[in-house]
């Protein structure tokens, strides 16, 4: 076994143990993991897009914004997180519209901030949030693993050759089927009655996770980098590992917001919304 493969295995085990333990405990432990992911994503985004070479003031504001979002998630009022995030992103978007700073600046704040917020919102504070987070994990992991193996075994037309030449339509379809099956399995092990809604949610999250993978590939190809960073031994960067996960969380987060309009559900009860309870 090569040293690189050993590093990949050890790093993967450590990451899985840390993430699953934080997911189990929830509360401050999971919020800390979510905040760390958001901050590291912003660091990698800033590095890839070379934000430090642009406006120093805008870059400092971006880091300050991420710090404020993280601190509010950890110690502030939960109902203030989304308004704070929206206000900071809009504040950054205004000079972008005026051409004073790059759109990559506002984009990085949106991407990294929403990554942390959506992860934290899905886990929530109760046992239902734990199941919901497992549901998202399994959908994303099953999609990613089966897309790789089905794509290699079946081959066929490329999904997006200009962005990610290795991905195929067969892999995308195989991954989606696996993601839906995995999500339904998680739901069936915890609830007696599940409806079509759960399968549709799993389908949406599976597709979103693959879009997230392609999005990160586009960013790296746009700026000519292979890995988002070298933070994870044998794996590259945090963005390389969570690209599909955060897009799936985005999809769940916005679905819950849309579904909460005119209903009893709120973003805080995302688990109930995802499972149609």
C-alpha atoms as a PDB file:
ATOM      1  CA  UNK A   1       0.000   0.000   0.000  1.00  0.00           C
ATOM      2  CA  UNK A   2       1.460   3.336  -1.061  1.00  0.00           C
ATOM      3  CA  UNK A   3       2.037   6.133   1.430  1.00  0.00           C
ATOM      4  CA  UNK A   4      -0.455   8.351  -0.415  1.00  0.00           C
ATOM      5  CA  UNK A   5      -3.175   5.704  -0.146  1.00  0.00           C
ATOM      6  CA  UNK A   6      -2.406   5.269   3.553  1.00  0.00           C
ATOM      7  CA  UNK A   7      -2.777   9.015   4.048  1.00  0.00           C
ATOM      8  CA  UNK A   8      -6.096   9.003   2.200  1.00  0.00           C
ATOM      9  CA  UNK A   9      -7.457   6.168   4.316  1.00  0.00           C
ATOM     10  CA  UNK A  10      -6.307   7.626   7.648  1.00  0.00           C
ATOM     11  CA  UNK A  11      -7.574  11.114   6.737  1.00  0.00           C
ATOM     12  CA  UNK A  12     -10.922   9.705   5.628  1.00  0.00           C
ATOM     13  CA  UNK A  13     -11.359   7.730   8.852  1.00  0.00           C
ATOM     14  CA  UNK A  14     -10.505  10.741  11.022  1.00  0.00           C
ATOM     15  CA  UNK A  15     -12.873  13.001   9.105  1.00  0.00           C
ATOM     16  CA  UNK A  16     -15.736  10.503   9.226  1.00  0.00           C
ATOM     17  CA  UNK A  17     -15.302   9.933  12.965  1.00  0.00           C
ATOM     18  CA  UNK A  18     -15.173  13.671  13.725  1.00  0.00           C
ATOM     19  CA  UNK A  19     -18.161  14.552  11.535  1.00  0.00           C
ATOM     20  CA  UNK A  20     -20.357  11.667  12.700  1.00  0.00           C
ATOM     21  CA  UNK A  21     -19.482  12.292  16.359  1.00  0.00           C
ATOM     22  CA  UNK A  22     -20.354  15.985  15.997  1.00  0.00           C
ATOM     23  CA  UNK A  23     -23.560  15.022  14.192  1.00  0.00           C
ATOM     24  CA  UNK A  24     -24.508  12.669  17.022  1.00  0.00           C
ATOM     25  CA  UNK A  25     -23.866  15.222  19.779  1.00  0.00           C
ATOM     26  CA  UNK A  26     -25.354  18.126  17.820  1.00  0.00           C
ATOM     27  CA  UNK A  27     -25.574  21.486  19.553  1.00  0.00           C
ATOM     28  CA  UNK A  28     -22.379  23.474  19.859  1.00  0.00           C
ATOM     29  CA  UNK A  29     -20.224  20.559  18.646  1.00  0.00           C
ATOM     30  CA  UNK A  30     -21.935  20.377  15.260  1.00  0.00           C
ATOM     31  CA  UNK A  31     -22.227  24.143  14.945  1.00  0.00           C
ATOM     32  CA  UNK A  32     -18.456  24.362  15.483  1.00  0.00           C
ATOM     33  CA  UNK A  33     -17.859  21.834  12.695  1.00  0.00           C
ATOM     34  CA  UNK A  34     -20.262  23.708  10.384  1.00  0.00           C
ATOM     35  CA  UNK A  35     -18.569  27.041  11.160  1.00  0.00           C
ATOM     36  CA  UNK A  36     -15.118  25.524  10.577  1.00  0.00           C
ATOM     37  CA  UNK A  37     -16.241  24.144   7.211  1.00  0.00           C
ATOM     38  CA  UNK A  38     -17.571  27.565   6.214  1.00  0.00           C
ATOM     39  CA  UNK A  39     -14.375  29.360   7.232  1.00  0.00           C
ATOM     40  CA  UNK A  40     -12.135  26.819   5.475  1.00  0.00           C
ATOM     41  CA  UNK A  41     -14.261  27.008   2.325  1.00  0.00           C
ATOM     42  CA  UNK A  42     -13.903  30.780   2.336  1.00  0.00           C
ATOM     43  CA  UNK A  43     -10.136  30.444   2.780  1.00  0.00           C
ATOM     44  CA  UNK A  44      -9.889  28.049  -0.172  1.00  0.00           C
ATOM     45  CA  UNK A  45     -12.243  30.125  -2.333  1.00  0.00           C
ATOM     46  CA  UNK A  46     -10.166  33.231  -1.562  1.00  0.00           C
ATOM     47  CA  UNK A  47      -6.977  31.385  -2.475  1.00  0.00           C
ATOM     48  CA  UNK A  48      -8.322  29.874  -5.700  1.00  0.00           C
ATOM     49  CA  UNK A  49      -9.882  33.114  -6.963  1.00  0.00           C
ATOM     50  CA  UNK A  50      -6.936  35.196  -5.669  1.00  0.00           C
ATOM     51  CA  UNK A  51      -9.146  37.662  -3.801  1.00  0.00           C
ATOM     52  CA  UNK A  52      -6.169  38.992  -1.825  1.00  0.00           C
ATOM     53  CA  UNK A  53      -4.772  40.390  -5.079  1.00  0.00           C
ATOM     54  CA  UNK A  54      -7.845  42.598  -5.461  1.00  0.00           C
ATOM     55  CA  UNK A  55      -9.332  44.993  -2.948  1.00  0.00           C
ATOM     56  CA  UNK A  56      -7.749  44.596   0.477  1.00  0.00           C
ATOM     57  CA  UNK A  57     -10.762  46.284   2.059  1.00  0.00           C
ATOM     58  CA  UNK A  58     -13.202  43.926   0.378  1.00  0.00           C
ATOM     59  CA  UNK A  59     -11.121  40.914   1.350  1.00  0.00           C
ATOM     60  CA  UNK A  60     -10.975  42.086   4.967  1.00  0.00           C
ATOM     61  CA  UNK A  61     -14.738  42.667   4.939  1.00  0.00           C
ATOM     62  CA  UNK A  62     -15.242  39.141   3.624  1.00  0.00           C
ATOM     63  CA  UNK A  63     -13.241  37.625   6.469  1.00  0.00           C
ATOM     64  CA  UNK A  64     -14.968  39.848   9.030  1.00  0.00           C
ATOM     65  CA  UNK A  65     -18.340  38.781   7.635  1.00  0.00           C
ATOM     66  CA  UNK A  66     -17.465  35.095   7.908  1.00  0.00           C
ATOM     67  CA  UNK A  67     -16.266  35.650  11.472  1.00  0.00           C
ATOM     68  CA  UNK A  68     -19.534  37.402  12.418  1.00  0.00           C
ATOM     69  CA  UNK A  69     -21.642  34.667  10.814  1.00  0.00           C
ATOM     70  CA  UNK A  70     -19.666  31.965  12.610  1.00  0.00           C
ATOM     71  CA  UNK A  71     -19.820  33.697  15.995  1.00  0.00           C
ATOM     72  CA  UNK A  72     -23.556  34.261  15.688  1.00  0.00           C
ATOM     73  CA  UNK A  73     -24.066  30.601  14.779  1.00  0.00           C
ATOM     74  CA  UNK A  74     -22.088  29.495  17.810  1.00  0.00           C
ATOM     75  CA  UNK A  75     -23.156  31.972  20.471  1.00  0.00           C
ATOM     76  CA  UNK A  76     -25.807  34.286  19.055  1.00  0.00           C
ATOM     77  CA  UNK A  77     -29.522  34.091  18.347  1.00  0.00           C
ATOM     78  CA  UNK A  78     -30.452  31.450  15.771  1.00  0.00           C
ATOM     79  CA  UNK A  79     -33.190  33.586  14.211  1.00  0.00           C
ATOM     80  CA  UNK A  80     -30.666  36.341  13.480  1.00  0.00           C
ATOM     81  CA  UNK A  81     -28.271  34.172  11.463  1.00  0.00           C
ATOM     82  CA  UNK A  82     -30.079  34.338   8.122  1.00  0.00           C
ATOM     83  CA  UNK A  83     -30.839  38.116   8.283  1.00  0.00           C
ATOM     84  CA  UNK A  84     -27.220  38.794   9.270  1.00  0.00           C
ATOM     85  CA  UNK A  85     -25.945  36.624   6.424  1.00  0.00           C
ATOM     86  CA  UNK A  86     -28.294  38.225   3.882  1.00  0.00           C
ATOM     87  CA  UNK A  87     -27.335  41.728   4.977  1.00  0.00           C
ATOM     88  CA  UNK A  88     -23.610  41.022   4.705  1.00  0.00           C
ATOM     89  CA  UNK A  89     -23.945  39.408   1.263  1.00  0.00           C
ATOM     90  CA  UNK A  90     -26.027  42.337  -0.019  1.00  0.00           C
ATOM     91  CA  UNK A  91     -23.497  44.787   1.397  1.00  0.00           C
ATOM     92  CA  UNK A  92     -20.768  42.971  -0.536  1.00  0.00           C
ATOM     93  CA  UNK A  93     -22.886  42.664  -3.680  1.00  0.00           C
ATOM     94  CA  UNK A  94     -23.485  46.422  -3.995  1.00  0.00           C
ATOM     95  CA  UNK A  95     -19.847  47.374  -4.756  1.00  0.00           C
ATOM     96  CA  UNK A  96     -19.699  44.320  -7.036  1.00  0.00           C
ATOM     97  CA  UNK A  97     -22.625  45.694  -9.056  1.00  0.00           C
ATOM     98  CA  UNK A  98     -20.848  49.048  -9.232  1.00  0.00           C
ATOM     99  CA  UNK A  99     -17.724  47.347 -10.550  1.00  0.00           C
ATOM    100  CA  UNK A 100     -15.571  48.302  -7.578  1.00  0.00           C
ATOM    101  CA  UNK A 101     -14.812  44.749  -6.446  1.00  0.00           C
ATOM    102  CA  UNK A 102     -14.933  41.357  -8.107  1.00  0.00           C
ATOM    103  CA  UNK A 103     -18.123  39.315  -8.097  1.00  0.00           C
ATOM    104  CA  UNK A 104     -15.977  36.448  -6.847  1.00  0.00           C
ATOM    105  CA  UNK A 105     -15.832  38.298  -3.525  1.00  0.00           C
ATOM    106  CA  UNK A 106     -19.590  38.308  -2.967  1.00  0.00           C
ATOM    107  CA  UNK A 107     -19.845  34.827  -4.462  1.00  0.00           C
ATOM    108  CA  UNK A 108     -17.321  33.459  -1.982  1.00  0.00           C
ATOM    109  CA  UNK A 109     -19.148  34.976   0.980  1.00  0.00           C
ATOM    110  CA  UNK A 110     -22.464  33.570  -0.253  1.00  0.00           C
ATOM    111  CA  UNK A 111     -21.037  30.098  -0.941  1.00  0.00           C
ATOM    112  CA  UNK A 112     -19.049  29.747   2.283  1.00  0.00           C
ATOM    113  CA  UNK A 113     -21.586  31.429   4.560  1.00  0.00           C
ATOM    114  CA  UNK A 114     -24.526  29.432   3.238  1.00  0.00           C
ATOM    115  CA  UNK A 115     -22.495  26.218   3.553  1.00  0.00           C
ATOM    116  CA  UNK A 116     -22.144  26.752   7.296  1.00  0.00           C
ATOM    117  CA  UNK A 117     -25.695  28.011   7.826  1.00  0.00           C
ATOM    118  CA  UNK A 118     -27.461  25.263   5.862  1.00  0.00           C
ATOM    119  CA  UNK A 119     -25.466  22.495   7.566  1.00  0.00           C
ATOM    120  CA  UNK A 120     -26.305  23.898  10.996  1.00  0.00           C
ATOM    121  CA  UNK A 121     -29.973  24.413  10.108  1.00  0.00           C
ATOM    122  CA  UNK A 122     -30.463  20.842   8.904  1.00  0.00           C
ATOM    123  CA  UNK A 123     -28.927  19.327  12.044  1.00  0.00           C
ATOM    124  CA  UNK A 124     -30.935  21.624  14.277  1.00  0.00           C
ATOM    125  CA  UNK A 125     -31.219  20.899  17.976  1.00  0.00           C
ATOM    126  CA  UNK A 126     -33.291  17.708  18.207  1.00  0.00           C
ATOM    127  CA  UNK A 127     -33.122  14.003  17.354  1.00  0.00           C
ATOM    128  CA  UNK A 128     -35.080  14.565  14.141  1.00  0.00           C
ATOM    129  CA  UNK A 129     -32.279  16.855  12.990  1.00  0.00           C
ATOM    130  CA  UNK A 130     -29.799  14.020  13.536  1.00  0.00           C
ATOM    131  CA  UNK A 131     -31.843  11.742  11.261  1.00  0.00           C
ATOM    132  CA  UNK A 132     -32.204  14.527   8.685  1.00  0.00           C
ATOM    133  CA  UNK A 133     -28.434  15.074   8.630  1.00  0.00           C
ATOM    134  CA  UNK A 134     -27.809  11.336   8.218  1.00  0.00           C
ATOM    135  CA  UNK A 135     -30.355  11.365   5.392  1.00  0.00           C
ATOM    136  CA  UNK A 136     -28.409  14.093   3.579  1.00  0.00           C
ATOM    137  CA  UNK A 137     -25.062  12.376   4.212  1.00  0.00           C
ATOM    138  CA  UNK A 138     -26.255   9.035   2.840  1.00  0.00           C
ATOM    139  CA  UNK A 139     -27.873  10.581  -0.238  1.00  0.00           C
ATOM    140  CA  UNK A 140     -24.674  12.480  -1.069  1.00  0.00           C
ATOM    141  CA  UNK A 141     -22.267   9.626  -0.294  1.00  0.00           C
ATOM    142  CA  UNK A 142     -24.317   7.033  -2.183  1.00  0.00           C
ATOM    143  CA  UNK A 143     -24.606   9.384  -5.157  1.00  0.00           C
ATOM    144  CA  UNK A 144     -20.881  10.103  -5.211  1.00  0.00           C
ATOM    145  CA  UNK A 145     -19.715   6.493  -4.811  1.00  0.00           C
ATOM    146  CA  UNK A 146     -22.105   4.881  -7.276  1.00  0.00           C
ATOM    147  CA  UNK A 147     -21.652   7.657  -9.847  1.00  0.00           C
ATOM    148  CA  UNK A 148     -17.931   6.874  -9.856  1.00  0.00           C
ATOM    149  CA  UNK A 149     -18.263   3.100 -10.146  1.00  0.00           C
ATOM    150  CA  UNK A 150     -21.179   3.066 -12.600  1.00  0.00           C
ATOM    151  CA  UNK A 151     -19.465   5.679 -14.747  1.00  0.00           C
ATOM    152  CA  UNK A 152     -16.275   3.646 -14.904  1.00  0.00           C
ATOM    153  CA  UNK A 153     -18.102   0.369 -15.560  1.00  0.00           C
ATOM    154  CA  UNK A 154     -20.624   1.575 -18.131  1.00  0.00           C
ATOM    155  CA  UNK A 155     -18.973   4.651 -19.652  1.00  0.00           C
ATOM    156  CA  UNK A 156     -20.845   6.313 -22.483  1.00  0.00           C
ATOM    157  CA  UNK A 157     -21.563   9.966 -23.298  1.00  0.00           C
ATOM    158  CA  UNK A 158     -19.860  12.596 -21.167  1.00  0.00           C
ATOM    159  CA  UNK A 159     -21.965  14.637 -18.782  1.00  0.00           C
ATOM    160  CA  UNK A 160     -20.025  17.912 -19.007  1.00  0.00           C
ATOM    161  CA  UNK A 161     -16.782  17.313 -20.943  1.00  0.00           C
ATOM    162  CA  UNK A 162     -15.599  20.930 -20.800  1.00  0.00           C
ATOM    163  CA  UNK A 163     -15.942  21.076 -17.026  1.00  0.00           C
ATOM    164  CA  UNK A 164     -15.221  17.542 -15.818  1.00  0.00           C
ATOM    165  CA  UNK A 165     -14.189  15.154 -18.625  1.00  0.00           C
ATOM    166  CA  UNK A 166     -14.373  12.051 -16.422  1.00  0.00           C
ATOM    167  CA  UNK A 167     -18.088  12.286 -15.598  1.00  0.00           C
ATOM    168  CA  UNK A 168     -20.646  10.427 -17.705  1.00  0.00           C
ATOM    169  CA  UNK A 169     -24.420  10.389 -18.010  1.00  0.00           C
ATOM    170  CA  UNK A 170     -24.445   6.737 -16.967  1.00  0.00           C
ATOM    171  CA  UNK A 171     -22.588   7.627 -13.786  1.00  0.00           C
ATOM    172  CA  UNK A 172     -24.942  10.538 -13.078  1.00  0.00           C
ATOM    173  CA  UNK A 173     -28.020   8.336 -13.499  1.00  0.00           C
ATOM    174  CA  UNK A 174     -26.515   5.483 -11.477  1.00  0.00           C
ATOM    175  CA  UNK A 175     -25.526   7.899  -8.725  1.00  0.00           C
ATOM    176  CA  UNK A 176     -28.999   9.423  -8.632  1.00  0.00           C
ATOM    177  CA  UNK A 177     -30.675   6.023  -8.336  1.00  0.00           C
ATOM    178  CA  UNK A 178     -28.282   5.089  -5.513  1.00  0.00           C
ATOM    179  CA  UNK A 179     -28.820   8.415  -3.754  1.00  0.00           C
ATOM    180  CA  UNK A 180     -32.606   8.043  -3.801  1.00  0.00           C
ATOM    181  CA  UNK A 181     -32.361   4.432  -2.615  1.00  0.00           C
ATOM    182  CA  UNK A 182     -29.993   5.406   0.196  1.00  0.00           C
ATOM    183  CA  UNK A 183     -32.220   8.252   1.324  1.00  0.00           C
ATOM    184  CA  UNK A 184     -35.315   6.030   1.334  1.00  0.00           C
ATOM    185  CA  UNK A 185     -33.437   3.398   3.345  1.00  0.00           C
ATOM    186  CA  UNK A 186     -32.530   5.941   6.031  1.00  0.00           C
ATOM    187  CA  UNK A 187     -36.126   7.157   6.181  1.00  0.00           C
ATOM    188  CA  UNK A 188     -37.578   3.646   6.345  1.00  0.00           C
ATOM    189  CA  UNK A 189     -35.319   2.671   9.236  1.00  0.00           C
ATOM    190  CA  UNK A 190     -36.683   5.534  11.345  1.00  0.00           C
ATOM    191  CA  UNK A 191     -40.288   6.032  10.216  1.00  0.00           C
ATOM    192  CA  UNK A 192     -43.089   3.553   9.629  1.00  0.00           C
ATOM    193  CA  UNK A 193     -44.836   5.469   6.891  1.00  0.00           C
ATOM    194  CA  UNK A 194     -42.956   7.398   4.228  1.00  0.00           C
ATOM    195  CA  UNK A 195     -44.525   8.881   1.163  1.00  0.00           C
ATOM    196  CA  UNK A 196     -43.498   9.896  -2.315  1.00  0.00           C
ATOM    197  CA  UNK A 197     -42.304  13.224  -0.890  1.00  0.00           C
ATOM    198  CA  UNK A 198     -39.232  11.668   0.735  1.00  0.00           C
ATOM    199  CA  UNK A 199     -38.189  10.080  -2.551  1.00  0.00           C
ATOM    200  CA  UNK A 200     -38.617  13.399  -4.356  1.00  0.00           C
ATOM    201  CA  UNK A 201     -36.519  15.180  -1.728  1.00  0.00           C
ATOM    202  CA  UNK A 202     -33.790  12.529  -2.049  1.00  0.00           C
ATOM    203  CA  UNK A 203     -33.903  12.950  -5.831  1.00  0.00           C
ATOM    204  CA  UNK A 204     -33.528  16.730  -5.548  1.00  0.00           C
ATOM    205  CA  UNK A 205     -30.611  16.429  -3.118  1.00  0.00           C
ATOM    206  CA  UNK A 206     -28.861  13.819  -5.281  1.00  0.00           C
ATOM    207  CA  UNK A 207     -29.097  15.995  -8.375  1.00  0.00           C
ATOM    208  CA  UNK A 208     -27.987  19.047  -6.379  1.00  0.00           C
ATOM    209  CA  UNK A 209     -24.947  17.198  -5.045  1.00  0.00           C
ATOM    210  CA  UNK A 210     -23.831  16.373  -8.592  1.00  0.00           C
ATOM    211  CA  UNK A 211     -24.337  19.983  -9.648  1.00  0.00           C
ATOM    212  CA  UNK A 212     -22.172  21.008  -6.691  1.00  0.00           C
ATOM    213  CA  UNK A 213     -19.426  18.651  -7.851  1.00  0.00           C
ATOM    214  CA  UNK A 214     -19.551  20.165 -11.340  1.00  0.00           C
ATOM    215  CA  UNK A 215     -19.604  23.691  -9.919  1.00  0.00           C
ATOM    216  CA  UNK A 216     -16.400  23.148  -7.982  1.00  0.00           C
ATOM    217  CA  UNK A 217     -14.786  21.553 -11.046  1.00  0.00           C
ATOM    218  CA  UNK A 218     -15.744  24.661 -13.026  1.00  0.00           C
ATOM    219  CA  UNK A 219     -14.175  26.962 -10.422  1.00  0.00           C
ATOM    220  CA  UNK A 220     -10.919  24.996 -10.377  1.00  0.00           C
ATOM    221  CA  UNK A 221     -10.776  24.783 -14.170  1.00  0.00           C
ATOM    222  CA  UNK A 222     -11.561  28.503 -14.462  1.00  0.00           C
ATOM    223  CA  UNK A 223      -8.553  29.372 -12.294  1.00  0.00           C
ATOM    224  CA  UNK A 224      -6.293  26.519 -13.371  1.00  0.00           C
ATOM    225  CA  UNK A 225      -5.886  24.646 -10.086  1.00  0.00           C
ATOM    226  CA  UNK A 226      -5.988  20.898  -9.434  1.00  0.00           C
ATOM    227  CA  UNK A 227      -7.038  20.862  -5.771  1.00  0.00           C
ATOM    228  CA  UNK A 228      -8.777  23.530  -3.717  1.00  0.00           C
ATOM    229  CA  UNK A 229      -5.915  23.296  -1.190  1.00  0.00           C
ATOM    230  CA  UNK A 230      -3.646  20.800   0.581  1.00  0.00           C
ATOM    231  CA  UNK A 231      -5.440  20.984   3.939  1.00  0.00           C
ATOM    232  CA  UNK A 232      -6.510  17.318   4.002  1.00  0.00           C
ATOM    233  CA  UNK A 233      -3.590  14.877   3.528  1.00  0.00           C
ATOM    234  CA  UNK A 234      -4.186  12.676   0.511  1.00  0.00           C
ATOM    235  CA  UNK A 235      -7.492  14.324  -0.355  1.00  0.00           C
ATOM    236  CA  UNK A 236      -6.758  17.923  -1.330  1.00  0.00           C
ATOM    237  CA  UNK A 237      -8.938  20.602   0.191  1.00  0.00           C
ATOM    238  CA  UNK A 238     -12.187  20.961   2.087  1.00  0.00           C
ATOM    239  CA  UNK A 239     -14.045  22.150  -1.012  1.00  0.00           C
ATOM    240  CA  UNK A 240     -12.897  19.007  -2.817  1.00  0.00           C
ATOM    241  CA  UNK A 241     -14.574  16.880  -0.162  1.00  0.00           C
ATOM    242  CA  UNK A 242     -17.780  18.804   0.547  1.00  0.00           C
ATOM    243  CA  UNK A 243     -18.696  20.258  -2.861  1.00  0.00           C
ATOM    244  CA  UNK A 244     -21.616  17.867  -3.346  1.00  0.00           C
ATOM    245  CA  UNK A 245     -22.632  17.950   0.318  1.00  0.00           C
ATOM    246  CA  UNK A 246     -22.978  21.717   0.560  1.00  0.00           C
ATOM    247  CA  UNK A 247     -25.052  21.948  -2.634  1.00  0.00           C
ATOM    248  CA  UNK A 248     -27.347  19.227  -1.302  1.00  0.00           C
ATOM    249  CA  UNK A 249     -27.656  21.251   1.920  1.00  0.00           C
ATOM    250  CA  UNK A 250     -28.388  24.373  -0.139  1.00  0.00           C
ATOM    251  CA  UNK A 251     -31.203  22.504  -1.907  1.00  0.00           C
ATOM    252  CA  UNK A 252     -32.660  21.232   1.383  1.00  0.00           C
ATOM    253  CA  UNK A 253     -32.388  24.680   2.945  1.00  0.00           C
ATOM    254  CA  UNK A 254     -34.168  26.493   0.106  1.00  0.00           C
ATOM    255  CA  UNK A 255     -36.793  23.760  -0.225  1.00  0.00           C
ATOM    256  CA  UNK A 256     -37.560  24.160   3.469  1.00  0.00           C
ATOM    257  CA  UNK A 257     -37.793  27.939   3.153  1.00  0.00           C
ATOM    258  CA  UNK A 258     -40.130  27.625   0.159  1.00  0.00           C
ATOM    259  CA  UNK A 259     -42.196  24.991   1.916  1.00  0.00           C
ATOM    260  CA  UNK A 260     -42.464  27.012   5.110  1.00  0.00           C
ATOM    261  CA  UNK A 261     -44.394  29.784   3.371  1.00  0.00           C
ATOM    262  CA  UNK A 262     -47.956  29.582   4.556  1.00  0.00           C
ATOM    263  CA  UNK A 263     -47.371  26.468   6.674  1.00  0.00           C
ATOM    264  CA  UNK A 264     -46.459  25.565  10.225  1.00  0.00           C
ATOM    265  CA  UNK A 265     -42.961  24.538   9.215  1.00  0.00           C
ATOM    266  CA  UNK A 266     -39.969  26.810   9.699  1.00  0.00           C
ATOM    267  CA  UNK A 267     -36.299  26.520   8.842  1.00  0.00           C
ATOM    268  CA  UNK A 268     -35.740  25.402  12.440  1.00  0.00           C
ATOM    269  CA  UNK A 269     -37.937  22.300  11.786  1.00  0.00           C
ATOM    270  CA  UNK A 270     -36.149  21.258   8.618  1.00  0.00           C
ATOM    271  CA  UNK A 271     -36.144  17.596   9.640  1.00  0.00           C
ATOM    272  CA  UNK A 272     -39.937  17.588   9.831  1.00  0.00           C
ATOM    273  CA  UNK A 273     -40.146  19.261   6.444  1.00  0.00           C
ATOM    274  CA  UNK A 274     -37.677  16.886   4.724  1.00  0.00           C
ATOM    275  CA  UNK A 275     -39.597  13.829   5.925  1.00  0.00           C
ATOM    276  CA  UNK A 276     -43.015  15.320   5.309  1.00  0.00           C
ATOM    277  CA  UNK A 277     -44.030  15.176   8.979  1.00  0.00           C
END
